[in-house]
Protein backbone atom coordinates (compact mmCIF):
# COMPACT_ATOMS: atom_id res chain seq x y z
CA UNK A 1 24.98 9.51 26.22
CA UNK A 2 21.76 8.63 24.09
CA UNK A 3 18.93 7.28 26.22
CA UNK A 4 18.18 3.60 25.82
CA UNK A 5 14.41 4.21 26.16
CA UNK A 6 11.82 6.91 26.22
CA UNK A 7 10.67 8.23 29.49
CA UNK A 8 7.18 7.00 28.57
CA UNK A 9 8.19 3.46 27.97
CA UNK A 10 6.19 2.12 30.80
CA UNK A 11 3.03 3.67 29.48
CA UNK A 12 3.69 2.40 25.91
CA UNK A 13 4.39 -1.10 27.16
CA UNK A 14 1.40 -1.11 29.25
CA UNK A 15 -0.80 -0.15 26.54
CA UNK A 16 0.59 -2.73 24.26
CA UNK A 17 0.21 -5.40 26.91
CA UNK A 18 -3.46 -4.44 27.40
CA UNK A 19 -4.04 -4.54 23.60
CA UNK A 20 -2.41 -7.90 23.38
CA UNK A 21 -4.52 -9.26 26.28
CA UNK A 22 -7.66 -8.46 24.18
CA UNK A 23 -6.45 -9.99 20.85
CA UNK A 24 -8.28 -13.10 19.69
CA UNK A 25 -7.81 -15.22 16.80
CA UNK A 26 -10.06 -14.36 13.91
CA UNK A 27 -12.71 -16.82 12.73
CA UNK A 28 -11.51 -19.36 10.12
CA UNK A 29 -14.41 -18.53 7.64
CA UNK A 30 -12.66 -19.37 4.31
CA UNK A 31 -11.75 -22.70 2.76
CA UNK A 32 -8.97 -23.51 0.37
CA UNK A 33 -8.05 -26.98 -1.37
CA UNK A 34 -4.51 -27.72 -2.56
CA UNK A 35 -4.76 -30.27 -5.39
CA UNK A 36 -2.43 -33.17 -4.84
CA UNK A 37 0.31 -33.63 -7.58
CA UNK A 38 0.02 -37.33 -7.05
CA UNK A 39 -2.98 -39.25 -8.46
CA UNK A 40 -3.07 -41.65 -5.47
CA UNK A 41 -3.01 -39.01 -2.79
CA UNK A 42 -6.01 -36.92 -1.80
CA UNK A 43 -6.28 -33.24 -2.11
CA UNK A 44 -5.62 -31.10 0.99
CA UNK A 45 -8.27 -28.94 2.32
CA UNK A 46 -8.01 -26.30 5.20
CA UNK A 47 -9.86 -23.50 6.67
CA UNK A 48 -8.28 -20.03 7.23
CA UNK A 49 -9.07 -16.59 8.21
CA UNK A 50 -8.99 -13.61 5.89
CA UNK A 51 -6.30 -10.97 6.44
CA UNK A 52 -9.05 -8.43 6.79
CA UNK A 53 -10.59 -10.02 9.62
CA UNK A 54 -7.32 -10.31 11.50
CA UNK A 55 -6.52 -6.71 10.94
CA UNK A 56 -9.96 -5.61 12.17
CA UNK A 57 -9.34 -7.22 15.45
CA UNK A 58 -5.96 -5.73 15.71
CA UNK A 59 -7.20 -2.28 14.76
CA UNK A 60 -9.88 -2.38 17.34
CA UNK A 61 -7.56 -3.47 20.13
CA UNK A 62 -4.85 -0.96 19.47
CA UNK A 63 -7.36 1.95 18.93
CA UNK A 64 -9.02 1.14 22.27
CA UNK A 65 -5.61 1.57 24.01
CA UNK A 66 -4.95 4.78 21.87
CA UNK A 67 -1.90 3.19 20.09
CA UNK A 68 -1.20 4.65 16.72
CA UNK A 69 0.76 2.79 13.97
CA UNK A 70 2.95 4.57 11.38
CA UNK A 71 4.34 3.04 8.20
CA UNK A 72 7.30 4.57 6.55
CA UNK A 73 8.90 3.78 3.27
CA UNK A 74 12.66 3.33 3.11
CA UNK A 75 14.23 3.04 -0.37
CA UNK A 76 17.56 1.38 -1.22
CA UNK A 77 18.41 3.70 -4.22
CA UNK A 78 21.19 1.17 -5.62
CA UNK A 79 18.46 -1.56 -5.90
CA UNK A 80 15.32 0.20 -7.04
CA UNK A 81 13.71 -1.84 -9.78
CA UNK A 82 11.92 1.18 -11.18
CA UNK A 83 13.12 3.96 -13.50
CA UNK A 84 13.72 7.09 -11.59
CA UNK A 85 10.98 8.94 -13.63
CA UNK A 86 8.48 6.53 -12.10
CA UNK A 87 9.94 6.70 -8.74
CA UNK A 88 7.28 8.86 -6.95
CA UNK A 89 4.42 6.74 -8.31
CA UNK A 90 6.22 3.59 -7.31
CA UNK A 91 6.70 4.75 -3.73
CA UNK A 92 3.01 5.83 -3.56
CA UNK A 93 1.95 2.48 -4.74
CA UNK A 94 4.49 0.71 -2.32
CA UNK A 95 2.71 2.62 0.61
CA UNK A 96 -0.68 1.61 -0.63
CA UNK A 97 -0.01 -1.99 -1.24
CA UNK A 98 2.57 -3.03 1.46
CA UNK A 99 0.57 -2.19 4.51
CA UNK A 100 0.69 -5.22 6.83
CA UNK A 101 3.03 -7.05 4.70
CA UNK A 102 0.95 -6.91 1.52
CA UNK A 103 2.62 -6.14 -1.75
CA UNK A 104 6.10 -6.35 -3.10
CA UNK A 105 9.24 -4.94 -1.55
CA UNK A 106 11.81 -2.81 -3.33
């Protein structure tokens, strides 16, 4: 029978819990305004944090707990929207642009 968990799951879970306890919200240092499509309504302005500032907080917390992250690329060859001759460069670009949810999926 295949094990349901690794023998070190307690260590991994503990490290994740310690990292999560240290996480804090990034500073909302940027401002965006969405123009109202209706002339009688005001534009909407809001503050938000950059993705980079959030990633920096996460990276520091997980590194302190010696947690490594790994990103893999899986390809559905039936639905690949690139020509096969361009496939290696498309996979490389995917790895480069899709870290932490950025970039297109294929």
